[in-house]
Amino acid sequence: MVLHHFIGYKGQPVKFVKGGVKSILITQEIRTGRKTVTKVSGLEHFMIDVDGFGQEIQVLCASSVAITPLVGASPKLNLREVMVQGPQLKNVTAVLQEKGVPKKHVEFLDKTSKKK
């Protein structure tokens, strides 16, 4: 039996997708010095407009947002990643839940912990 699922979002037609549901990945990491950024990838799997999501986060967090192609992904897939300045984990998860993404399909990765 092959896994499949349907995805639909506010006024858009329902999309049939093979395979299991892929999660949205939220990563916090430290850039040069002590600058923390929050990266969000996998929004396309839930039919969320990446540009609209970036603008919404930028207004909500009052911080800089950059949208770049996802590193390591095929250019044919057109997968993109949103990078938000600062530790914005709570704001990003709040917007995702507002858009209807279940919490069980959101994964967190924290790379800001100090190494011994």
N, C-alpha and C. Protein backbone atom coordinates (compact mmCIF):
# COMPACT_ATOMS: atom_id res chain seq x y z
N MET A 1 0.84 -1.18 0.00
CA MET A 1 0.00 0.00 0.00
C MET A 1 0.89 1.25 0.00
N VAL A 2 0.60 2.18 -0.88
CA VAL A 2 1.40 3.39 -1.02
C VAL A 2 0.75 4.50 -0.19
N LEU A 3 1.59 5.18 0.60
CA LEU A 3 1.08 6.30 1.38
C LEU A 3 0.78 7.48 0.48
N HIS A 4 -0.25 8.22 0.82
CA HIS A 4 -0.60 9.44 0.10
C HIS A 4 -1.41 10.33 1.02
N HIS A 5 -1.51 11.60 0.66
CA HIS A 5 -2.30 12.53 1.47
C HIS A 5 -2.81 13.66 0.57
N PHE A 6 -3.81 14.36 1.08
CA PHE A 6 -4.38 15.50 0.38
C PHE A 6 -4.06 16.76 1.17
N ILE A 7 -3.75 17.85 0.44
CA ILE A 7 -3.48 19.13 1.09
C ILE A 7 -4.34 20.19 0.41
N GLY A 8 -5.02 20.98 1.21
CA GLY A 8 -5.81 22.09 0.69
C GLY A 8 -5.66 23.28 1.62
N TYR A 9 -5.74 24.48 1.06
CA TYR A 9 -5.55 25.67 1.88
C TYR A 9 -6.45 26.79 1.37
N LYS A 10 -7.30 27.30 2.22
CA LYS A 10 -8.14 28.48 2.04
C LYS A 10 -8.35 28.93 0.59
N GLY A 11 -9.30 28.34 -0.07
CA GLY A 11 -9.68 28.78 -1.40
C GLY A 11 -8.85 28.18 -2.53
N GLN A 12 -7.82 27.43 -2.23
CA GLN A 12 -7.02 26.79 -3.26
C GLN A 12 -7.55 25.39 -3.49
N PRO A 13 -7.37 24.86 -4.70
CA PRO A 13 -7.83 23.49 -4.94
C PRO A 13 -7.01 22.49 -4.12
N VAL A 14 -7.64 21.37 -3.80
CA VAL A 14 -6.99 20.33 -3.01
C VAL A 14 -5.95 19.63 -3.89
N LYS A 15 -4.79 19.35 -3.30
CA LYS A 15 -3.68 18.74 -4.04
C LYS A 15 -3.43 17.33 -3.51
N PHE A 16 -3.34 16.34 -4.40
CA PHE A 16 -3.05 14.96 -4.06
C PHE A 16 -1.54 14.76 -4.12
N VAL A 17 -0.94 14.23 -3.04
CA VAL A 17 0.51 14.07 -2.96
C VAL A 17 0.85 12.65 -2.56
N LYS A 18 1.80 12.05 -3.26
CA LYS A 18 2.27 10.71 -2.90
C LYS A 18 3.20 10.80 -1.70
N GLY A 19 3.27 9.74 -0.94
CA GLY A 19 4.18 9.68 0.21
C GLY A 19 3.54 10.25 1.46
N GLY A 20 4.31 10.20 2.54
CA GLY A 20 3.84 10.72 3.82
C GLY A 20 3.92 12.24 3.86
N VAL A 21 3.38 12.80 4.91
CA VAL A 21 3.40 14.25 5.10
C VAL A 21 4.80 14.67 5.54
N LYS A 22 5.40 15.62 4.83
CA LYS A 22 6.72 16.13 5.18
C LYS A 22 6.57 17.28 6.17
N SER A 23 7.48 17.36 7.11
CA SER A 23 7.40 18.37 8.16
C SER A 23 8.06 19.67 7.75
N ILE A 24 7.65 20.74 8.41
CA ILE A 24 8.30 22.03 8.27
C ILE A 24 9.43 22.07 9.28
N LEU A 25 10.62 22.48 8.85
CA LEU A 25 11.79 22.50 9.72
C LEU A 25 12.12 23.93 10.11
N ILE A 26 12.17 24.18 11.42
CA ILE A 26 12.56 25.49 11.95
C ILE A 26 13.91 25.31 12.65
N THR A 27 14.92 26.06 12.21
CA THR A 27 16.27 25.93 12.73
C THR A 27 16.72 27.26 13.30
N GLN A 28 17.26 27.25 14.51
CA GLN A 28 17.90 28.44 15.08
C GLN A 28 19.39 28.20 15.09
N GLU A 29 20.14 29.16 14.57
CA GLU A 29 21.59 29.02 14.57
C GLU A 29 22.26 30.37 14.77
N ILE A 30 23.53 30.31 15.14
CA ILE A 30 24.30 31.53 15.38
C ILE A 30 25.12 31.83 14.13
N ARG A 31 25.04 33.05 13.67
CA ARG A 31 25.85 33.51 12.55
C ARG A 31 27.09 34.19 13.12
N THR A 32 27.74 35.03 12.35
CA THR A 32 28.97 35.67 12.78
C THR A 32 28.80 36.35 14.13
N GLY A 33 29.68 36.05 15.04
CA GLY A 33 29.60 36.64 16.37
C GLY A 33 28.49 36.03 17.19
N ARG A 34 27.62 36.88 17.70
CA ARG A 34 26.51 36.41 18.53
C ARG A 34 25.16 36.64 17.87
N LYS A 35 25.13 36.79 16.57
CA LYS A 35 23.88 37.03 15.84
C LYS A 35 23.12 35.72 15.66
N THR A 36 21.88 35.69 16.11
CA THR A 36 21.04 34.51 15.99
C THR A 36 20.05 34.71 14.85
N VAL A 37 19.87 33.67 14.04
CA VAL A 37 18.87 33.70 12.97
C VAL A 37 17.96 32.48 13.11
N THR A 38 16.76 32.62 12.60
CA THR A 38 15.78 31.53 12.57
C THR A 38 15.48 31.22 11.12
N LYS A 39 15.67 29.97 10.72
CA LYS A 39 15.42 29.55 9.34
C LYS A 39 14.20 28.64 9.30
N VAL A 40 13.35 28.85 8.30
CA VAL A 40 12.13 28.04 8.13
C VAL A 40 12.16 27.46 6.72
N SER A 41 12.05 26.13 6.60
CA SER A 41 12.02 25.49 5.29
C SER A 41 10.90 24.44 5.26
N GLY A 42 10.44 24.15 4.06
CA GLY A 42 9.39 23.15 3.89
C GLY A 42 7.99 23.73 3.82
N LEU A 43 7.87 25.04 3.65
CA LEU A 43 6.54 25.66 3.60
C LEU A 43 5.76 25.24 2.36
N GLU A 44 6.47 24.90 1.29
CA GLU A 44 5.81 24.53 0.04
C GLU A 44 5.00 23.25 0.19
N HIS A 45 5.39 22.37 1.11
CA HIS A 45 4.68 21.10 1.30
C HIS A 45 3.27 21.32 1.86
N PHE A 46 3.03 22.47 2.47
CA PHE A 46 1.71 22.79 3.01
C PHE A 46 1.02 23.88 2.21
N MET A 47 1.50 24.13 0.99
CA MET A 47 0.91 25.11 0.07
C MET A 47 0.88 26.51 0.67
N ILE A 48 1.89 26.87 1.45
CA ILE A 48 2.00 28.21 2.02
C ILE A 48 2.87 29.04 1.11
N ASP A 49 2.39 30.21 0.72
CA ASP A 49 3.15 31.12 -0.13
C ASP A 49 4.35 31.64 0.65
N VAL A 50 5.55 31.36 0.16
CA VAL A 50 6.78 31.70 0.88
C VAL A 50 6.96 33.21 0.96
N ASP A 51 6.67 33.92 -0.13
CA ASP A 51 6.82 35.38 -0.13
C ASP A 51 5.83 36.04 0.84
N GLY A 52 4.60 35.59 0.83
CA GLY A 52 3.59 36.13 1.75
C GLY A 52 3.93 35.81 3.20
N PHE A 53 4.44 34.60 3.44
CA PHE A 53 4.84 34.22 4.79
C PHE A 53 6.00 35.10 5.26
N GLY A 54 6.95 35.36 4.37
CA GLY A 54 8.09 36.20 4.72
C GLY A 54 7.66 37.62 5.08
N GLN A 55 6.74 38.18 4.30
CA GLN A 55 6.25 39.53 4.60
C GLN A 55 5.50 39.57 5.92
N GLU A 56 4.69 38.55 6.18
CA GLU A 56 3.92 38.49 7.42
C GLU A 56 4.84 38.40 8.64
N ILE A 57 5.87 37.57 8.55
CA ILE A 57 6.84 37.43 9.64
C ILE A 57 7.62 38.73 9.83
N GLN A 58 7.98 39.38 8.73
CA GLN A 58 8.74 40.62 8.81
C GLN A 58 7.96 41.69 9.56
N VAL A 59 6.67 41.80 9.29
CA VAL A 59 5.84 42.79 9.97
C VAL A 59 5.63 42.41 11.44
N LEU A 60 5.37 41.12 11.69
CA LEU A 60 5.11 40.66 13.05
C LEU A 60 6.33 40.80 13.95
N CYS A 61 7.49 40.42 13.45
CA CYS A 61 8.72 40.43 14.26
C CYS A 61 9.47 41.75 14.20
N ALA A 62 9.14 42.61 13.25
CA ALA A 62 9.85 43.86 13.04
C ALA A 62 11.35 43.59 12.87
N SER A 63 11.67 42.63 12.03
CA SER A 63 13.06 42.28 11.79
C SER A 63 13.29 42.00 10.31
N SER A 64 14.54 41.82 9.96
CA SER A 64 14.91 41.57 8.58
C SER A 64 14.58 40.13 8.18
N VAL A 65 14.15 39.94 6.93
CA VAL A 65 13.81 38.62 6.41
C VAL A 65 14.48 38.44 5.05
N ALA A 66 15.07 37.28 4.83
CA ALA A 66 15.68 36.95 3.54
C ALA A 66 15.09 35.63 3.06
N ILE A 67 14.73 35.57 1.77
CA ILE A 67 14.19 34.35 1.18
C ILE A 67 15.19 33.88 0.14
N THR A 68 15.74 32.68 0.34
CA THR A 68 16.77 32.14 -0.54
C THR A 68 16.40 30.73 -0.99
N PRO A 69 16.98 30.27 -2.10
CA PRO A 69 16.76 28.86 -2.50
C PRO A 69 17.32 27.92 -1.44
N LEU A 70 16.67 26.81 -1.24
CA LEU A 70 17.09 25.83 -0.25
C LEU A 70 18.37 25.14 -0.72
N VAL A 71 19.39 25.16 0.13
CA VAL A 71 20.68 24.58 -0.21
C VAL A 71 20.56 23.07 -0.30
N GLY A 72 21.07 22.49 -1.38
CA GLY A 72 21.05 21.05 -1.55
C GLY A 72 19.83 20.51 -2.27
N ALA A 73 18.83 21.35 -2.52
CA ALA A 73 17.62 20.90 -3.21
C ALA A 73 17.76 21.15 -4.71
N SER A 74 17.08 20.37 -5.50
CA SER A 74 17.12 20.52 -6.94
C SER A 74 16.45 21.84 -7.35
N PRO A 75 17.05 22.59 -8.27
CA PRO A 75 16.43 23.84 -8.72
C PRO A 75 15.06 23.63 -9.39
N LYS A 76 14.83 22.42 -9.89
CA LYS A 76 13.55 22.11 -10.53
C LYS A 76 12.40 22.13 -9.53
N LEU A 77 12.69 21.79 -8.26
CA LEU A 77 11.65 21.75 -7.24
C LEU A 77 11.26 23.13 -6.73
N ASN A 78 12.13 24.12 -6.91
CA ASN A 78 11.87 25.51 -6.50
C ASN A 78 11.54 25.59 -4.99
N LEU A 79 12.33 24.88 -4.17
CA LEU A 79 12.15 24.95 -2.72
C LEU A 79 12.94 26.12 -2.17
N ARG A 80 12.31 26.90 -1.28
CA ARG A 80 12.97 28.08 -0.73
C ARG A 80 12.92 28.06 0.79
N GLU A 81 13.79 28.87 1.39
CA GLU A 81 13.91 28.93 2.83
C GLU A 81 13.81 30.39 3.27
N VAL A 82 13.12 30.60 4.39
CA VAL A 82 12.96 31.95 4.95
C VAL A 82 13.91 32.08 6.13
N MET A 83 14.75 33.12 6.11
CA MET A 83 15.66 33.37 7.22
C MET A 83 15.25 34.67 7.90
N VAL A 84 14.95 34.59 9.21
CA VAL A 84 14.48 35.73 9.99
C VAL A 84 15.56 36.11 10.98
N GLN A 85 15.82 37.38 11.10
CA GLN A 85 16.83 37.86 12.03
C GLN A 85 16.32 37.74 13.46
N GLY A 86 17.14 37.13 14.32
CA GLY A 86 16.80 37.01 15.73
C GLY A 86 16.17 35.68 16.07
N PRO A 87 16.05 35.38 17.36
CA PRO A 87 15.41 34.13 17.81
C PRO A 87 13.89 34.29 17.78
N GLN A 88 13.27 33.96 16.68
CA GLN A 88 11.84 34.20 16.48
C GLN A 88 11.03 32.91 16.48
N LEU A 89 11.42 31.94 17.26
CA LEU A 89 10.77 30.63 17.26
C LEU A 89 9.29 30.72 17.63
N LYS A 90 8.95 31.47 18.67
CA LYS A 90 7.56 31.58 19.11
C LYS A 90 6.69 32.26 18.06
N ASN A 91 7.19 33.32 17.45
CA ASN A 91 6.40 34.04 16.44
C ASN A 91 6.18 33.19 15.20
N VAL A 92 7.20 32.46 14.76
CA VAL A 92 7.07 31.62 13.57
C VAL A 92 6.07 30.50 13.82
N THR A 93 6.15 29.84 14.97
CA THR A 93 5.21 28.76 15.26
C THR A 93 3.78 29.28 15.40
N ALA A 94 3.62 30.49 15.94
CA ALA A 94 2.29 31.08 16.06
C ALA A 94 1.68 31.33 14.68
N VAL A 95 2.47 31.84 13.75
CA VAL A 95 1.96 32.10 12.40
C VAL A 95 1.64 30.79 11.68
N LEU A 96 2.47 29.78 11.86
CA LEU A 96 2.20 28.49 11.23
C LEU A 96 0.92 27.87 11.76
N GLN A 97 0.69 27.94 13.06
CA GLN A 97 -0.55 27.40 13.62
C GLN A 97 -1.75 28.21 13.16
N GLU A 98 -1.58 29.50 12.99
CA GLU A 98 -2.65 30.36 12.47
C GLU A 98 -3.01 29.96 11.04
N LYS A 99 -2.04 29.50 10.29
CA LYS A 99 -2.27 29.08 8.91
C LYS A 99 -2.77 27.65 8.81
N GLY A 100 -2.90 26.96 9.96
CA GLY A 100 -3.50 25.64 9.96
C GLY A 100 -2.53 24.47 9.92
N VAL A 101 -1.25 24.72 10.17
CA VAL A 101 -0.27 23.63 10.19
C VAL A 101 -0.30 22.98 11.57
N PRO A 102 -0.58 21.67 11.65
CA PRO A 102 -0.59 21.00 12.95
C PRO A 102 0.80 21.02 13.60
N LYS A 103 0.82 21.13 14.91
CA LYS A 103 2.08 21.21 15.64
C LYS A 103 2.93 19.96 15.46
N LYS A 104 2.29 18.81 15.21
CA LYS A 104 3.05 17.58 15.06
C LYS A 104 3.84 17.54 13.75
N HIS A 105 3.54 18.44 12.81
CA HIS A 105 4.25 18.49 11.54
C HIS A 105 5.27 19.63 11.49
N VAL A 106 5.66 20.13 12.66
CA VAL A 106 6.69 21.17 12.75
C VAL A 106 7.84 20.61 13.59
N GLU A 107 9.04 20.61 13.00
CA GLU A 107 10.23 20.11 13.70
C GLU A 107 11.13 21.29 14.06
N PHE A 108 11.78 21.21 15.23
CA PHE A 108 12.67 22.27 15.71
C PHE A 108 14.09 21.72 15.80
N LEU A 109 15.05 22.54 15.42
CA LEU A 109 16.45 22.19 15.54
C LEU A 109 17.18 23.41 16.07
N ASP A 110 17.80 23.26 17.24
CA ASP A 110 18.48 24.38 17.88
C ASP A 110 19.98 24.17 17.81
N LYS A 111 20.65 25.01 17.04
CA LYS A 111 22.11 24.93 16.90
C LYS A 111 22.81 26.02 17.68
N THR A 112 22.10 26.67 18.60
CA THR A 112 22.69 27.78 19.35
C THR A 112 23.34 27.35 20.66
N SER A 113 23.17 26.09 21.03
CA SER A 113 23.74 25.64 22.31
C SER A 113 25.27 25.67 22.23
N LYS A 114 25.88 26.03 23.35
CA LYS A 114 27.34 26.13 23.40
C LYS A 114 27.95 24.74 23.46
N LYS A 115 29.05 24.57 22.76
CA LYS A 115 29.76 23.29 22.75
C LYS A 115 30.80 23.28 23.85
N LYS A 116 31.02 22.11 24.43
CA LYS A 116 32.00 22.00 25.50
C LYS A 116 33.35 21.59 24.96
